[in-house]
Amino acid sequence: MSFDLKSLELFVRVAALGALGRAGEEMNLSPTATTQRIQALESALGTKLLNRTTRAISLTTDGETFLSHAQQILDCVESAQASMSSSQQHVTGELRVTASASFGRSQIVPHVGEFLRLYPDISLKLDLNDSMTDIVERGYDLAIRIGSLVPSSLLARKLSPNRRMLVASPGYLERAGIPNSPGDLKNHSCIVLGESRNWSLADGSGNITDIRVAGSFTTNFGEAITDALLQDLGIGLKSVWDISEHLVTGRLVPILPDYTALPEWQIWAVRPPTRVMPLRARAFIEFFEEKFKTALNRG
């Protein structure tokens, strides 16, 4: 079995973009060369990685498994290259990062002082907002994003799982009762983020239940959901990092704890589509990846 790093990088880009031609263009490959490289990779692995139709390209089950390994290989190579050069390069310069307001304020800002003391020659510009900023157009080095990523030319590195759970206040549960199954949610007031009222929950065996929920309050701002929960207005779906304090104090309690909310979300560091990552961006990612290991998903 043999294949080169360029074929691995091509496969990762095809998976990210959902398009063979665009991935090939990024790497200055002709359509024929692009197809040949993917076919050679599949031949070397002895399995089909991509489902190809005239309209779309998607990963096979084996393709999804191999994708995580391919990303790890490329990250290791990139880390090795950075470590070889870091001894000769000083970590310096302006670092421009954007993140959602709630997450940035609670999970990034508290560690900024330590980060800048560790890297005193970095100048950090942190933009906190809840809009989906075009980081290439706006000149950002990194964006911290939560959820499922849509196909794009951006490069992404997973920093942490983003565990979510159903919660409510003791006051609401005393008044309305405790749901014992996903179906019981139809009889409760559910606080919804955005326009979607469809929730999906998976049990420990992987069985999925889809529920269309209803309630008297809907908002596009995550912190407003927390405020509404604390006012006994209903049941909400929240990231654990966002409500950990209230779980500890008992102001909010888990609902249906044996179920997992779908889709499962991740926390990503997203950067422009250049293979070489600035040392200051790598320093930020590695610093906060370590912080998130202990700070997130408790509860």
C-alpha atoms as a PDB file:
ATOM      1  CA  MET A   1       0.000   0.000   0.000  1.00  0.00           C
ATOM      2  CA  SER A   2       1.418   3.390  -0.977  1.00  0.00           C
ATOM      3  CA  PHE A   3       0.125   6.935  -1.412  1.00  0.00           C
ATOM      4  CA  ASP A   4       1.546  10.400  -0.936  1.00  0.00           C
ATOM      5  CA  LEU A   5       0.626  13.349   1.247  1.00  0.00           C
ATOM      6  CA  LYS A   6      -0.773  15.291  -1.676  1.00  0.00           C
ATOM      7  CA  SER A   7      -3.353  12.579  -2.277  1.00  0.00           C
ATOM      8  CA  LEU A   8      -4.302  12.667   1.401  1.00  0.00           C
ATOM      9  CA  GLU A   9      -4.660  16.444   1.295  1.00  0.00           C
ATOM     10  CA  LEU A  10      -6.755  16.175  -1.864  1.00  0.00           C
ATOM     11  CA  PHE A  11      -9.067  13.642  -0.233  1.00  0.00           C
ATOM     12  CA  VAL A  12      -9.517  15.875   2.839  1.00  0.00           C
ATOM     13  CA  ARG A  13     -10.351  18.860   0.629  1.00  0.00           C
ATOM     14  CA  VAL A  14     -12.846  16.825  -1.422  1.00  0.00           C
ATOM     15  CA  ALA A  15     -14.552  15.801   1.820  1.00  0.00           C
ATOM     16  CA  ALA A  16     -14.662  19.413   3.023  1.00  0.00           C
ATOM     17  CA  LEU A  17     -15.905  20.901  -0.226  1.00  0.00           C
ATOM     18  CA  GLY A  18     -18.134  18.065  -1.393  1.00  0.00           C
ATOM     19  CA  ALA A  19     -16.759  18.634  -4.878  1.00  0.00           C
ATOM     20  CA  LEU A  20     -13.970  16.842  -6.721  1.00  0.00           C
ATOM     21  CA  GLY A  21     -13.306  19.570  -9.307  1.00  0.00           C
ATOM     22  CA  ARG A  22     -13.029  22.460  -6.848  1.00  0.00           C
ATOM     23  CA  ALA A  23     -10.642  20.515  -4.639  1.00  0.00           C
ATOM     24  CA  GLY A  24      -8.481  19.722  -7.647  1.00  0.00           C
ATOM     25  CA  GLU A  25      -8.449  23.357  -8.763  1.00  0.00           C
ATOM     26  CA  GLU A  26      -7.236  24.452  -5.319  1.00  0.00           C
ATOM     27  CA  MET A  27      -4.261  22.124  -5.718  1.00  0.00           C
ATOM     28  CA  ASN A  28      -3.622  23.003  -9.382  1.00  0.00           C
ATOM     29  CA  LEU A  29      -4.637  19.553 -10.591  1.00  0.00           C
ATOM     30  CA  SER A  30      -6.478  18.833 -13.816  1.00  0.00           C
ATOM     31  CA  PRO A  31      -9.832  17.012 -13.565  1.00  0.00           C
ATOM     32  CA  THR A  32      -8.170  13.869 -14.894  1.00  0.00           C
ATOM     33  CA  ALA A  33      -5.285  14.045 -12.422  1.00  0.00           C
ATOM     34  CA  THR A  34      -7.706  14.704  -9.573  1.00  0.00           C
ATOM     35  CA  THR A  35      -9.786  11.647 -10.399  1.00  0.00           C
ATOM     36  CA  GLN A  36      -6.707   9.486 -10.884  1.00  0.00           C
ATOM     37  CA  ARG A  37      -5.304  10.443  -7.498  1.00  0.00           C
ATOM     38  CA  ILE A  38      -8.532   9.593  -5.682  1.00  0.00           C
ATOM     39  CA  GLN A  39      -8.823   6.302  -7.563  1.00  0.00           C
ATOM     40  CA  ALA A  40      -5.207   5.447  -6.730  1.00  0.00           C
ATOM     41  CA  LEU A  41      -5.854   6.209  -3.054  1.00  0.00           C
ATOM     42  CA  GLU A  42      -8.930   3.972  -3.037  1.00  0.00           C
ATOM     43  CA  SER A  43      -6.967   1.231  -4.790  1.00  0.00           C
ATOM     44  CA  ALA A  44      -4.128   1.469  -2.265  1.00  0.00           C
ATOM     45  CA  LEU A  45      -6.578   1.226   0.639  1.00  0.00           C
ATOM     46  CA  GLY A  46      -8.658  -1.480  -1.002  1.00  0.00           C
ATOM     47  CA  THR A  47     -11.944   0.285  -0.386  1.00  0.00           C
ATOM     48  CA  LYS A  48     -14.269   2.904  -1.852  1.00  0.00           C
ATOM     49  CA  LEU A  49     -13.971   6.273  -0.097  1.00  0.00           C
ATOM     50  CA  LEU A  50     -16.450   8.399  -2.049  1.00  0.00           C
ATOM     51  CA  ASN A  51     -19.967   8.009  -3.374  1.00  0.00           C
ATOM     52  CA  ARG A  52     -20.070   9.855  -6.700  1.00  0.00           C
ATOM     53  CA  THR A  53     -23.191  11.011  -8.514  1.00  0.00           C
ATOM     54  CA  THR A  54     -23.702  13.629 -11.205  1.00  0.00           C
ATOM     55  CA  ARG A  55     -24.956  16.051  -8.527  1.00  0.00           C
ATOM     56  CA  ALA A  56     -22.942  15.405  -5.410  1.00  0.00           C
ATOM     57  CA  ILE A  57     -20.085  13.603  -3.741  1.00  0.00           C
ATOM     58  CA  SER A  58     -20.353  12.110  -0.263  1.00  0.00           C
ATOM     59  CA  LEU A  59     -18.196   9.935   1.941  1.00  0.00           C
ATOM     60  CA  THR A  60     -18.771   6.223   2.268  1.00  0.00           C
ATOM     61  CA  THR A  61     -18.643   4.674   5.734  1.00  0.00           C
ATOM     62  CA  ASP A  62     -15.013   3.714   5.113  1.00  0.00           C
ATOM     63  CA  GLY A  63     -14.389   7.212   3.785  1.00  0.00           C
ATOM     64  CA  GLU A  64     -15.661   8.773   7.005  1.00  0.00           C
ATOM     65  CA  THR A  65     -13.387   6.488   9.037  1.00  0.00           C
ATOM     66  CA  PHE A  66     -10.362   7.215   6.866  1.00  0.00           C
ATOM     67  CA  LEU A  67     -11.000  10.967   6.886  1.00  0.00           C
ATOM     68  CA  SER A  68     -10.175  11.309  10.577  1.00  0.00           C
ATOM     69  CA  HIS A  69      -6.931   9.374  10.062  1.00  0.00           C
ATOM     70  CA  ALA A  70      -5.986  11.453   7.019  1.00  0.00           C
ATOM     71  CA  GLN A  71      -6.571  14.674   8.950  1.00  0.00           C
ATOM     72  CA  GLN A  72      -4.443  13.405  11.826  1.00  0.00           C
ATOM     73  CA  ILE A  73      -1.609  12.495   9.449  1.00  0.00           C
ATOM     74  CA  LEU A  74      -1.654  15.943   7.846  1.00  0.00           C
ATOM     75  CA  ASP A  75      -1.824  17.637  11.250  1.00  0.00           C
ATOM     76  CA  CYS A  76       1.174  15.598  12.435  1.00  0.00           C
ATOM     77  CA  VAL A  77       3.190  16.549   9.358  1.00  0.00           C
ATOM     78  CA  GLU A  78       2.248  20.197   9.809  1.00  0.00           C
ATOM     79  CA  SER A  79       3.177  20.030  13.508  1.00  0.00           C
ATOM     80  CA  ALA A  80       6.531  18.497  12.634  1.00  0.00           C
ATOM     81  CA  GLN A  81       7.224  21.247  10.118  1.00  0.00           C
ATOM     82  CA  ALA A  82       6.245  23.893  12.656  1.00  0.00           C
ATOM     83  CA  SER A  83       8.413  22.363  15.381  1.00  0.00           C
ATOM     84  CA  MET A  84      11.425  22.331  13.062  1.00  0.00           C
ATOM     85  CA  SER A  85      10.998  26.018  12.319  1.00  0.00           C
ATOM     86  CA  SER A  86       9.745  27.243  15.710  1.00  0.00           C
ATOM     87  CA  SER A  87      13.194  27.003  17.279  1.00  0.00           C
ATOM     88  CA  GLN A  88      14.387  29.525  14.703  1.00  0.00           C
ATOM     89  CA  GLN A  89      11.269  31.717  14.591  1.00  0.00           C
ATOM     90  CA  HIS A  90       9.884  33.976  17.272  1.00  0.00           C
ATOM     91  CA  VAL A  91       6.121  33.789  17.892  1.00  0.00           C
ATOM     92  CA  THR A  92       5.106  37.352  17.189  1.00  0.00           C
ATOM     93  CA  GLY A  93       2.698  39.556  15.251  1.00  0.00           C
ATOM     94  CA  GLU A  94      -0.991  40.467  15.280  1.00  0.00           C
ATOM     95  CA  LEU A  95      -3.416  37.569  15.654  1.00  0.00           C
ATOM     96  CA  ARG A  96      -6.995  38.239  14.576  1.00  0.00           C
ATOM     97  CA  VAL A  97      -9.606  35.837  15.981  1.00  0.00           C
ATOM     98  CA  THR A  98     -13.400  35.852  15.838  1.00  0.00           C
ATOM     99  CA  ALA A  99     -15.841  33.832  17.956  1.00  0.00           C
ATOM    100  CA  SER A 100     -19.453  33.895  19.096  1.00  0.00           C
ATOM    101  CA  ALA A 101     -20.140  36.425  21.824  1.00  0.00           C
ATOM    102  CA  SER A 102     -21.314  34.019  24.527  1.00  0.00           C
ATOM    103  CA  PHE A 103     -18.622  31.429  23.978  1.00  0.00           C
ATOM    104  CA  GLY A 104     -15.839  33.960  23.566  1.00  0.00           C
ATOM    105  CA  ARG A 105     -16.787  35.880  26.684  1.00  0.00           C
ATOM    106  CA  SER A 106     -17.066  32.803  28.912  1.00  0.00           C
ATOM    107  CA  GLN A 107     -14.441  30.451  27.482  1.00  0.00           C
ATOM    108  CA  ILE A 108     -11.772  32.569  25.736  1.00  0.00           C
ATOM    109  CA  VAL A 109     -11.586  35.933  27.500  1.00  0.00           C
ATOM    110  CA  PRO A 110     -10.859  34.435  30.976  1.00  0.00           C
ATOM    111  CA  HIS A 111      -7.656  32.893  29.586  1.00  0.00           C
ATOM    112  CA  VAL A 112      -6.438  35.797  27.442  1.00  0.00           C
ATOM    113  CA  GLY A 113      -4.149  37.146  30.168  1.00  0.00           C
ATOM    114  CA  GLU A 114      -2.367  33.813  30.576  1.00  0.00           C
ATOM    115  CA  PHE A 115      -2.032  33.410  26.813  1.00  0.00           C
ATOM    116  CA  LEU A 116      -0.499  36.867  26.334  1.00  0.00           C
ATOM    117  CA  ARG A 117       1.883  36.382  29.241  1.00  0.00           C
ATOM    118  CA  LEU A 118       3.016  33.160  27.595  1.00  0.00           C
ATOM    119  CA  TYR A 119       3.394  34.916  24.221  1.00  0.00           C
ATOM    120  CA  PRO A 120       4.179  38.551  25.071  1.00  0.00           C
ATOM    121  CA  ASP A 121       5.023  39.515  21.487  1.00  0.00           C
ATOM    122  CA  ILE A 122       1.618  38.516  20.116  1.00  0.00           C
ATOM    123  CA  SER A 123      -0.972  41.259  19.709  1.00  0.00           C
ATOM    124  CA  LEU A 124      -4.430  39.653  19.960  1.00  0.00           C
ATOM    125  CA  LYS A 125      -7.509  41.180  18.339  1.00  0.00           C
ATOM    126  CA  LEU A 126     -10.603  39.246  19.451  1.00  0.00           C
ATOM    127  CA  ASP A 127     -13.885  40.012  17.682  1.00  0.00           C
ATOM    128  CA  LEU A 128     -16.909  38.607  19.509  1.00  0.00           C
ATOM    129  CA  ASN A 129     -20.141  38.510  17.517  1.00  0.00           C
ATOM    130  CA  ASP A 130     -22.825  36.009  16.547  1.00  0.00           C
ATOM    131  CA  SER A 131     -22.693  36.550  12.786  1.00  0.00           C
ATOM    132  CA  MET A 132     -21.056  34.079  10.392  1.00  0.00           C
ATOM    133  CA  THR A 133     -18.090  36.254   9.466  1.00  0.00           C
ATOM    134  CA  ASP A 134     -16.236  35.711   6.187  1.00  0.00           C
ATOM    135  CA  ILE A 135     -12.801  35.267   7.708  1.00  0.00           C
ATOM    136  CA  VAL A 136     -10.971  35.475   4.381  1.00  0.00           C
ATOM    137  CA  GLU A 137     -12.657  38.724   3.334  1.00  0.00           C
ATOM    138  CA  ARG A 138     -12.267  40.258   6.814  1.00  0.00           C
ATOM    139  CA  GLY A 139      -8.671  39.138   7.214  1.00  0.00           C
ATOM    140  CA  TYR A 140      -9.041  36.905  10.273  1.00  0.00           C
ATOM    141  CA  ASP A 141      -6.440  34.277  11.112  1.00  0.00           C
ATOM    142  CA  LEU A 142      -8.909  32.063  12.979  1.00  0.00           C
ATOM    143  CA  ALA A 143     -12.589  31.634  13.756  1.00  0.00           C
ATOM    144  CA  ILE A 144     -13.868  29.527  16.644  1.00  0.00           C
ATOM    145  CA  ARG A 145     -17.132  27.939  15.526  1.00  0.00           C
ATOM    146  CA  ILE A 146     -19.604  25.596  17.182  1.00  0.00           C
ATOM    147  CA  GLY A 147     -21.826  23.053  15.481  1.00  0.00           C
ATOM    148  CA  SER A 148     -21.704  21.230  12.172  1.00  0.00           C
ATOM    149  CA  LEU A 149     -19.530  22.812   9.501  1.00  0.00           C
ATOM    150  CA  VAL A 150     -20.892  23.375   6.018  1.00  0.00           C
ATOM    151  CA  PRO A 151     -18.635  22.437   3.089  1.00  0.00           C
ATOM    152  CA  SER A 152     -16.230  25.285   2.282  1.00  0.00           C
ATOM    153  CA  SER A 153     -12.661  25.967   1.235  1.00  0.00           C
ATOM    154  CA  LEU A 154     -11.709  26.744   4.847  1.00  0.00           C
ATOM    155  CA  LEU A 155      -9.503  24.418   6.868  1.00  0.00           C
ATOM    156  CA  ALA A 156     -10.860  23.191  10.201  1.00  0.00           C
ATOM    157  CA  ARG A 157      -9.409  21.533  13.286  1.00  0.00           C
ATOM    158  CA  LYS A 158     -11.636  20.053  15.967  1.00  0.00           C
ATOM    159  CA  LEU A 159     -10.812  21.497  19.386  1.00  0.00           C
ATOM    160  CA  SER A 160     -13.393  19.759  21.543  1.00  0.00           C
ATOM    161  CA  PRO A 161     -16.732  17.976  21.544  1.00  0.00           C
ATOM    162  CA  ASN A 162     -19.628  20.259  22.416  1.00  0.00           C
ATOM    163  CA  ARG A 163     -21.893  18.272  24.694  1.00  0.00           C
ATOM    164  CA  ARG A 164     -25.523  19.401  24.785  1.00  0.00           C
ATOM    165  CA  MET A 165     -28.347  18.401  27.094  1.00  0.00           C
ATOM    166  CA  LEU A 166     -31.998  19.087  27.794  1.00  0.00           C
ATOM    167  CA  VAL A 167     -32.498  21.093  30.973  1.00  0.00           C
ATOM    168  CA  ALA A 168     -35.211  22.861  32.929  1.00  0.00           C
ATOM    169  CA  SER A 169     -35.591  24.614  36.270  1.00  0.00           C
ATOM    170  CA  PRO A 170     -36.942  22.807  39.333  1.00  0.00           C
ATOM    171  CA  GLY A 171     -39.765  25.346  39.416  1.00  0.00           C
ATOM    172  CA  TYR A 172     -40.936  24.462  35.911  1.00  0.00           C
ATOM    173  CA  LEU A 173     -40.707  20.715  36.571  1.00  0.00           C
ATOM    174  CA  GLU A 174     -42.676  21.051  39.794  1.00  0.00           C
ATOM    175  CA  ARG A 175     -45.433  22.774  37.856  1.00  0.00           C
ATOM    176  CA  ALA A 176     -45.406  20.759  34.627  1.00  0.00           C
ATOM    177  CA  GLY A 177     -43.973  17.375  35.624  1.00  0.00           C
ATOM    178  CA  ILE A 178     -40.821  15.537  34.530  1.00  0.00           C
ATOM    179  CA  PRO A 179     -40.688  14.001  31.023  1.00  0.00           C
ATOM    180  CA  ASN A 180     -39.841  10.287  31.107  1.00  0.00           C
ATOM    181  CA  SER A 181     -39.428   9.780  27.358  1.00  0.00           C
ATOM    182  CA  PRO A 182     -38.762  11.949  24.282  1.00  0.00           C
ATOM    183  CA  GLY A 183     -42.421  11.672  23.320  1.00  0.00           C
ATOM    184  CA  ASP A 184     -43.411  13.403  26.561  1.00  0.00           C
ATOM    185  CA  LEU A 185     -41.761  16.607  25.294  1.00  0.00           C
ATOM    186  CA  LYS A 186     -44.786  17.180  23.058  1.00  0.00           C
ATOM    187  CA  ASN A 187     -46.759  17.954  26.196  1.00  0.00           C
ATOM    188  CA  HIS A 188     -44.249  20.483  27.522  1.00  0.00           C
ATOM    189  CA  SER A 189     -43.307  24.082  26.798  1.00  0.00           C
ATOM    190  CA  CYS A 190     -39.988  23.934  24.947  1.00  0.00           C
ATOM    191  CA  ILE A 191     -37.779  26.966  24.407  1.00  0.00           C
ATOM    192  CA  VAL A 192     -36.366  26.967  20.886  1.00  0.00           C
ATOM    193  CA  LEU A 193     -33.283  28.582  19.377  1.00  0.00           C
ATOM    194  CA  GLY A 194     -34.015  29.949  15.914  1.00  0.00           C
ATOM    195  CA  GLU A 195     -36.800  28.707  13.701  1.00  0.00           C
ATOM    196  CA  SER A 196     -36.410  24.933  13.925  1.00  0.00           C
ATOM    197  CA  ARG A 197     -38.808  23.206  16.284  1.00  0.00           C
ATOM    198  CA  ASN A 198     -37.560  19.729  15.404  1.00  0.00           C
ATOM    199  CA  TRP A 199     -35.412  18.000  18.032  1.00  0.00           C
ATOM    200  CA  SER A 200     -33.690  14.631  17.525  1.00  0.00           C
ATOM    201  CA  LEU A 201     -32.627  12.450  20.443  1.00  0.00           C
ATOM    202  CA  ALA A 202     -30.711   9.155  20.406  1.00  0.00           C
ATOM    203  CA  ASP A 203     -30.798   6.571  23.177  1.00  0.00           C
ATOM    204  CA  GLY A 204     -27.865   4.419  24.278  1.00  0.00           C
ATOM    205  CA  SER A 205     -28.627   1.845  21.578  1.00  0.00           C
ATOM    206  CA  GLY A 206     -28.563   4.433  18.817  1.00  0.00           C
ATOM    207  CA  ASN A 207     -32.337   4.523  18.304  1.00  0.00           C
ATOM    208  CA  ILE A 208     -33.349   8.017  17.174  1.00  0.00           C
ATOM    209  CA  THR A 209     -36.569   9.796  18.067  1.00  0.00           C
ATOM    210  CA  ASP A 210     -37.585  12.943  16.186  1.00  0.00           C
ATOM    211  CA  ILE A 211     -39.905  15.287  18.042  1.00  0.00           C
ATOM    212  CA  ARG A 212     -41.605  18.457  16.920  1.00  0.00           C
ATOM    213  CA  VAL A 213     -41.731  20.620  20.024  1.00  0.00           C
ATOM    214  CA  ALA A 214     -43.791  23.687  20.859  1.00  0.00           C
ATOM    215  CA  GLY A 215     -43.633  26.498  23.373  1.00  0.00           C
ATOM    216  CA  SER A 216     -44.460  30.109  24.075  1.00  0.00           C
ATOM    217  CA  PHE A 217     -40.933  31.521  23.635  1.00  0.00           C
ATOM    218  CA  THR A 218     -38.505  31.404  20.708  1.00  0.00           C
ATOM    219  CA  THR A 219     -35.292  33.400  20.333  1.00  0.00           C
ATOM    220  CA  ASN A 220     -32.202  33.660  18.148  1.00  0.00           C
ATOM    221  CA  PHE A 221     -29.911  34.401  21.132  1.00  0.00           C
ATOM    222  CA  GLY A 222     -28.569  31.560  23.263  1.00  0.00           C
ATOM    223  CA  GLU A 223     -28.237  33.562  26.468  1.00  0.00           C
ATOM    224  CA  ALA A 224     -31.915  34.502  26.247  1.00  0.00           C
ATOM    225  CA  ILE A 225     -32.788  30.793  26.379  1.00  0.00           C
ATOM    226  CA  THR A 226     -30.824  30.446  29.614  1.00  0.00           C
ATOM    227  CA  ASP A 227     -32.630  33.460  31.087  1.00  0.00           C
ATOM    228  CA  ALA A 228     -35.993  31.985  30.091  1.00  0.00           C
ATOM    229  CA  LEU A 229     -35.108  28.626  31.634  1.00  0.00           C
ATOM    230  CA  LEU A 230     -34.240  30.332  34.905  1.00  0.00           C
ATOM    231  CA  GLN A 231     -37.665  32.045  34.795  1.00  0.00           C
ATOM    232  CA  ASP A 232     -39.370  28.606  34.782  1.00  0.00           C
ATOM    233  CA  LEU A 233     -40.614  29.026  31.199  1.00  0.00           C
ATOM    234  CA  GLY A 234     -39.884  25.525  29.951  1.00  0.00           C
ATOM    235  CA  ILE A 235     -37.346  22.984  28.709  1.00  0.00           C
ATOM    236  CA  GLY A 236     -34.364  23.981  26.584  1.00  0.00           C
ATOM    237  CA  LEU A 237     -31.454  22.369  24.735  1.00  0.00           C
ATOM    238  CA  LYS A 238     -28.174  23.898  25.918  1.00  0.00           C
ATOM    239  CA  SER A 239     -24.419  23.367  25.616  1.00  0.00           C
ATOM    240  CA  VAL A 240     -23.025  22.160  28.931  1.00  0.00           C
ATOM    241  CA  TRP A 241     -20.295  24.835  28.997  1.00  0.00           C
ATOM    242  CA  ASP A 242     -22.974  27.519  28.836  1.00  0.00           C
ATOM    243  CA  ILE A 243     -24.954  26.305  31.869  1.00  0.00           C
ATOM    244  CA  SER A 244     -22.364  24.477  33.999  1.00  0.00           C
ATOM    245  CA  GLU A 245     -22.665  27.041  36.799  1.00  0.00           C
ATOM    246  CA  HIS A 246     -26.438  26.586  36.962  1.00  0.00           C
ATOM    247  CA  LEU A 247     -26.092  22.790  36.950  1.00  0.00           C
ATOM    248  CA  VAL A 248     -23.727  22.978  39.913  1.00  0.00           C
ATOM    249  CA  THR A 249     -26.061  25.247  41.902  1.00  0.00           C
ATOM    250  CA  GLY A 250     -29.143  23.235  40.949  1.00  0.00           C
ATOM    251  CA  ARG A 251     -30.925  26.157  39.334  1.00  0.00           C
ATOM    252  CA  LEU A 252     -31.138  23.955  36.231  1.00  0.00           C
ATOM    253  CA  VAL A 253     -31.383  20.155  36.160  1.00  0.00           C
ATOM    254  CA  PRO A 254     -30.874  17.637  33.312  1.00  0.00           C
ATOM    255  CA  ILE A 255     -33.881  16.173  31.513  1.00  0.00           C
ATOM    256  CA  LEU A 256     -33.709  12.716  29.841  1.00  0.00           C
ATOM    257  CA  PRO A 257     -29.984  12.382  30.686  1.00  0.00           C
ATOM    258  CA  ASP A 258     -29.715   8.980  28.956  1.00  0.00           C
ATOM    259  CA  TYR A 259     -30.405  10.574  25.560  1.00  0.00           C
ATOM    260  CA  THR A 260     -27.973  12.376  23.255  1.00  0.00           C
ATOM    261  CA  ALA A 261     -29.037  15.426  21.267  1.00  0.00           C
ATOM    262  CA  LEU A 262     -28.464  15.167  17.518  1.00  0.00           C
ATOM    263  CA  PRO A 263     -26.643  16.237  15.505  1.00  0.00           C
ATOM    264  CA  GLU A 264     -23.647  15.984  17.801  1.00  0.00           C
ATOM    265  CA  TRP A 265     -21.844  19.331  17.723  1.00  0.00           C
ATOM    266  CA  GLN A 266     -18.134  20.058  17.829  1.00  0.00           C
ATOM    267  CA  ILE A 267     -16.033  23.128  18.564  1.00  0.00           C
ATOM    268  CA  TRP A 268     -13.755  24.002  15.653  1.00  0.00           C
ATOM    269  CA  ALA A 269     -10.846  26.284  14.889  1.00  0.00           C
ATOM    270  CA  VAL A 270     -11.404  27.377  11.301  1.00  0.00           C
ATOM    271  CA  ARG A 271      -8.752  29.122   9.225  1.00  0.00           C
ATOM    272  CA  PRO A 272      -8.176  30.349   5.663  1.00  0.00           C
ATOM    273  CA  PRO A 273      -7.301  27.710   3.033  1.00  0.00           C
ATOM    274  CA  THR A 274      -3.518  27.946   3.223  1.00  0.00           C
ATOM    275  CA  ARG A 275      -1.519  24.868   4.119  1.00  0.00           C
ATOM    276  CA  VAL A 276       1.037  26.790   6.192  1.00  0.00           C
ATOM    277  CA  MET A 277      -0.350  27.972   9.528  1.00  0.00           C
ATOM    278  CA  PRO A 278       1.275  31.032  11.151  1.00  0.00           C
ATOM    279  CA  LEU A 279       3.041  30.165  14.391  1.00  0.00           C
ATOM    280  CA  ARG A 280       0.916  32.663  16.330  1.00  0.00           C
ATOM    281  CA  ALA A 281      -2.265  30.903  15.126  1.00  0.00           C
ATOM    282  CA  ARG A 282      -0.843  27.498  16.029  1.00  0.00           C
ATOM    283  CA  ALA A 283       0.074  28.807  19.491  1.00  0.00           C
ATOM    284  CA  PHE A 284      -3.505  30.024  20.033  1.00  0.00           C
ATOM    285  CA  ILE A 285      -5.064  26.745  18.868  1.00  0.00           C
ATOM    286  CA  GLU A 286      -2.821  24.542  20.990  1.00  0.00           C
ATOM    287  CA  PHE A 287      -3.227  26.748  24.063  1.00  0.00           C
ATOM    288  CA  PHE A 288      -7.027  26.790  23.936  1.00  0.00           C
ATOM    289  CA  GLU A 289      -7.339  23.163  22.881  1.00  0.00           C
ATOM    290  CA  GLU A 290      -5.666  22.280  26.176  1.00  0.00           C
ATOM    291  CA  LYS A 291      -7.912  24.695  28.100  1.00  0.00           C
ATOM    292  CA  PHE A 292     -11.058  23.268  26.539  1.00  0.00           C
ATOM    293  CA  LYS A 293     -10.134  19.713  27.581  1.00  0.00           C
ATOM    294  CA  THR A 294     -10.811  20.585  31.206  1.00  0.00           C
ATOM    295  CA  ALA A 295     -13.196  23.546  30.922  1.00  0.00           C
ATOM    296  CA  LEU A 296     -15.835  22.169  28.549  1.00  0.00           C
ATOM    297  CA  ASN A 297     -18.424  19.421  28.675  1.00  0.00           C
ATOM    298  CA  ARG A 298     -18.625  19.172  32.455  1.00  0.00           C
ATOM    299  CA  GLY A 299     -21.934  18.563  34.122  1.00  0.00           C
END
